[in-house]
Amino acid sequence: MPILYEKVYEKAQLNEIAVDVLNQCCDFKLFCFKGDLGAGKTALISALCDGLGSADLVNSPTFSIINEYDCSIGKIFHFDLYRLKTLEEVMDIGFEEYIYSNNFCFIEWPDLVIEMLPKSRLVFCELSYISLSERKIKVWIN
């Protein structure tokens, strides 16, 4: 797993980080986000959506499981799988249709679905909490 991008950053740099990630992974649309609660997964996804031209309000789909945003090049699907416990629950939301739609898919808490994701199209973003104002990001392609 060669690291494509790694950086410690302050929250004020989030939009710059998002542009860097999108530039490094410009051929990919399927992203998995790992990190503890409070590491900044949803904040990064919001900045990525901004970078893709979405004017929609991005928030965590903790209870809805999936949020859909519009952007200049199509749709963005944002998943939060934290509350799901079985693959049956994942299949019930039509997950496969989303990930094979050729739209951007941003998946928080992806462990339950890792085995069903197309490995050749998959980007991982791991976020770590450093301090109240700093985070660390590592990005790699499977």
Protein backbone atom coordinates (compact mmCIF):
# COMPACT_ATOMS: atom_id res chain seq x y z
CA MET A 1 0.00 0.00 0.00
CA PRO A 2 2.12 2.91 -1.18
CA ILE A 3 1.01 6.19 0.38
CA LEU A 4 -0.05 8.71 -2.29
CA TYR A 5 -0.46 11.61 0.07
CA GLU A 6 0.31 12.23 3.72
CA LYS A 7 0.15 15.45 5.67
CA VAL A 8 -0.45 16.95 9.09
CA TYR A 9 -2.77 19.90 8.65
CA GLU A 10 -4.78 22.46 10.54
CA LYS A 11 -8.55 22.71 10.10
CA ALA A 12 -8.10 25.99 8.21
CA GLN A 13 -6.23 24.05 5.50
CA LEU A 14 -9.05 21.59 4.87
CA ASN A 15 -10.09 22.97 1.47
CA GLU A 16 -6.46 22.87 0.30
CA ILE A 17 -6.15 19.27 1.52
CA ALA A 18 -9.35 18.32 -0.34
CA VAL A 19 -8.02 19.78 -3.61
CA ASP A 20 -4.72 17.91 -3.11
CA VAL A 21 -6.58 14.63 -2.53
CA LEU A 22 -8.82 15.12 -5.57
CA ASN A 23 -5.78 15.94 -7.72
CA GLN A 24 -3.88 12.87 -6.48
CA CYS A 25 -6.89 10.60 -7.09
CA CYS A 26 -8.43 12.21 -10.16
CA ASP A 27 -9.18 8.85 -11.83
CA PHE A 28 -11.07 7.47 -8.83
CA LYS A 29 -14.59 8.01 -7.53
CA LEU A 30 -14.90 5.48 -4.71
CA PHE A 31 -13.41 6.65 -1.40
CA CYS A 32 -13.34 4.94 2.00
CA PHE A 33 -12.76 7.06 5.09
CA LYS A 34 -11.26 5.59 8.22
CA GLY A 35 -10.59 7.25 11.55
CA ASP A 36 -11.87 7.53 15.06
CA LEU A 37 -14.91 9.59 16.00
CA GLY A 38 -13.94 13.25 15.78
CA ALA A 39 -11.00 12.66 13.42
CA GLY A 40 -12.60 14.83 10.73
CA LYS A 41 -14.07 12.37 8.21
CA THR A 42 -17.28 14.33 7.59
CA ALA A 43 -15.41 17.64 7.55
CA LEU A 44 -13.06 16.31 4.86
CA ILE A 45 -15.99 14.94 2.85
CA SER A 46 -17.62 18.36 3.03
CA ALA A 47 -14.43 19.96 1.68
CA LEU A 48 -14.21 17.31 -1.07
CA CYS A 49 -17.80 18.06 -2.08
CA ASP A 50 -16.95 21.77 -2.20
CA GLY A 51 -13.93 20.91 -4.36
CA LEU A 52 -16.20 18.99 -6.73
CA GLY A 53 -18.46 22.02 -7.11
CA SER A 54 -21.31 21.03 -4.82
CA ALA A 55 -23.19 23.88 -3.18
CA ASP A 56 -25.21 21.46 -1.02
CA LEU A 57 -24.96 21.43 2.76
CA VAL A 58 -22.92 18.37 3.71
CA ASN A 59 -23.61 16.71 7.02
CA SER A 60 -23.16 13.27 8.49
CA PRO A 61 -25.72 10.71 7.35
CA THR A 62 -25.45 8.91 10.71
CA PHE A 63 -29.19 8.27 10.90
CA SER A 64 -30.19 8.43 7.25
CA ILE A 65 -27.23 6.15 6.28
CA ILE A 66 -26.85 7.93 2.93
CA ASN A 67 -26.96 11.54 1.78
CA GLU A 68 -27.03 12.61 -1.85
CA TYR A 69 -25.45 15.82 -3.10
CA ASP A 70 -25.40 17.44 -6.52
CA CYS A 71 -22.19 18.61 -8.13
CA SER A 72 -21.13 19.90 -11.52
CA ILE A 73 -20.23 16.42 -12.79
CA GLY A 74 -23.13 14.41 -11.38
CA LYS A 75 -24.09 13.06 -7.99
CA ILE A 76 -22.14 12.44 -4.83
CA PHE A 77 -23.30 9.70 -2.48
CA HIS A 78 -22.14 9.99 1.14
CA PHE A 79 -22.53 6.91 3.33
CA ASP A 80 -22.13 6.51 7.07
CA LEU A 81 -22.21 2.79 7.79
CA TYR A 82 -21.43 3.11 11.51
CA ARG A 83 -24.86 1.89 12.64
CA LEU A 84 -25.18 -1.01 10.20
CA LYS A 85 -24.31 -4.45 11.53
CA THR A 86 -24.98 -6.87 8.65
CA LEU A 87 -24.45 -7.05 4.90
CA GLU A 88 -28.20 -7.58 4.57
CA GLU A 89 -28.76 -4.09 5.97
CA VAL A 90 -26.25 -2.74 3.44
CA MET A 91 -27.97 -4.52 0.57
CA ASP A 92 -31.37 -3.20 1.72
CA ILE A 93 -30.27 0.38 0.95
CA GLY A 94 -29.27 -0.56 -2.61
CA PHE A 95 -25.57 -0.12 -1.87
CA GLU A 96 -24.32 -1.94 -4.97
CA GLU A 97 -26.33 0.30 -7.28
CA TYR A 98 -24.68 3.34 -5.75
CA ILE A 99 -21.09 2.07 -5.89
CA TYR A 100 -21.42 0.97 -9.52
CA SER A 101 -23.22 4.16 -10.61
CA ASN A 102 -19.98 5.88 -11.71
CA ASN A 103 -20.78 8.74 -9.34
CA PHE A 104 -18.59 9.77 -6.44
CA CYS A 105 -19.15 7.61 -3.36
CA PHE A 106 -17.71 8.66 -0.01
CA ILE A 107 -18.02 5.89 2.58
CA GLU A 108 -17.45 6.47 6.29
CA TRP A 109 -16.94 3.36 8.45
CA PRO A 110 -16.40 1.04 5.43
CA ASP A 111 -15.21 -2.12 7.23
CA LEU A 112 -18.49 -4.00 6.76
CA VAL A 113 -18.41 -3.55 2.97
CA ILE A 114 -14.69 -3.65 2.13
CA GLU A 115 -14.88 -7.12 0.58
CA MET A 116 -17.66 -6.13 -1.82
CA LEU A 117 -15.98 -2.96 -3.13
CA PRO A 118 -14.20 -3.01 -6.51
CA LYS A 119 -10.52 -2.97 -5.47
CA SER A 120 -9.32 -1.44 -8.73
CA ARG A 121 -11.34 1.73 -8.12
CA LEU A 122 -10.82 2.20 -4.38
CA VAL A 123 -9.12 5.06 -2.50
CA PHE A 124 -8.55 4.98 1.25
CA CYS A 125 -8.32 8.12 3.37
CA GLU A 126 -7.27 7.58 6.97
CA LEU A 127 -7.63 10.49 9.35
CA SER A 128 -6.00 10.81 12.75
CA TYR A 129 -6.68 13.27 15.53
CA ILE A 130 -3.49 15.09 16.54
CA SER A 131 -4.89 18.02 18.57
CA LEU A 132 -7.93 20.29 18.69
CA SER A 133 -6.66 22.13 15.63
CA GLU A 134 -4.55 19.49 13.86
CA ARG A 135 -5.30 16.29 11.99
CA LYS A 136 -3.21 13.88 9.95
CA ILE A 137 -4.30 12.38 6.64
CA LYS A 138 -2.93 9.39 4.77
CA VAL A 139 -4.28 8.53 1.32
CA TRP A 140 -3.56 5.35 -0.61
CA ILE A 141 -4.99 3.26 -3.39
CA ASN A 142 -5.68 -0.36 -2.59
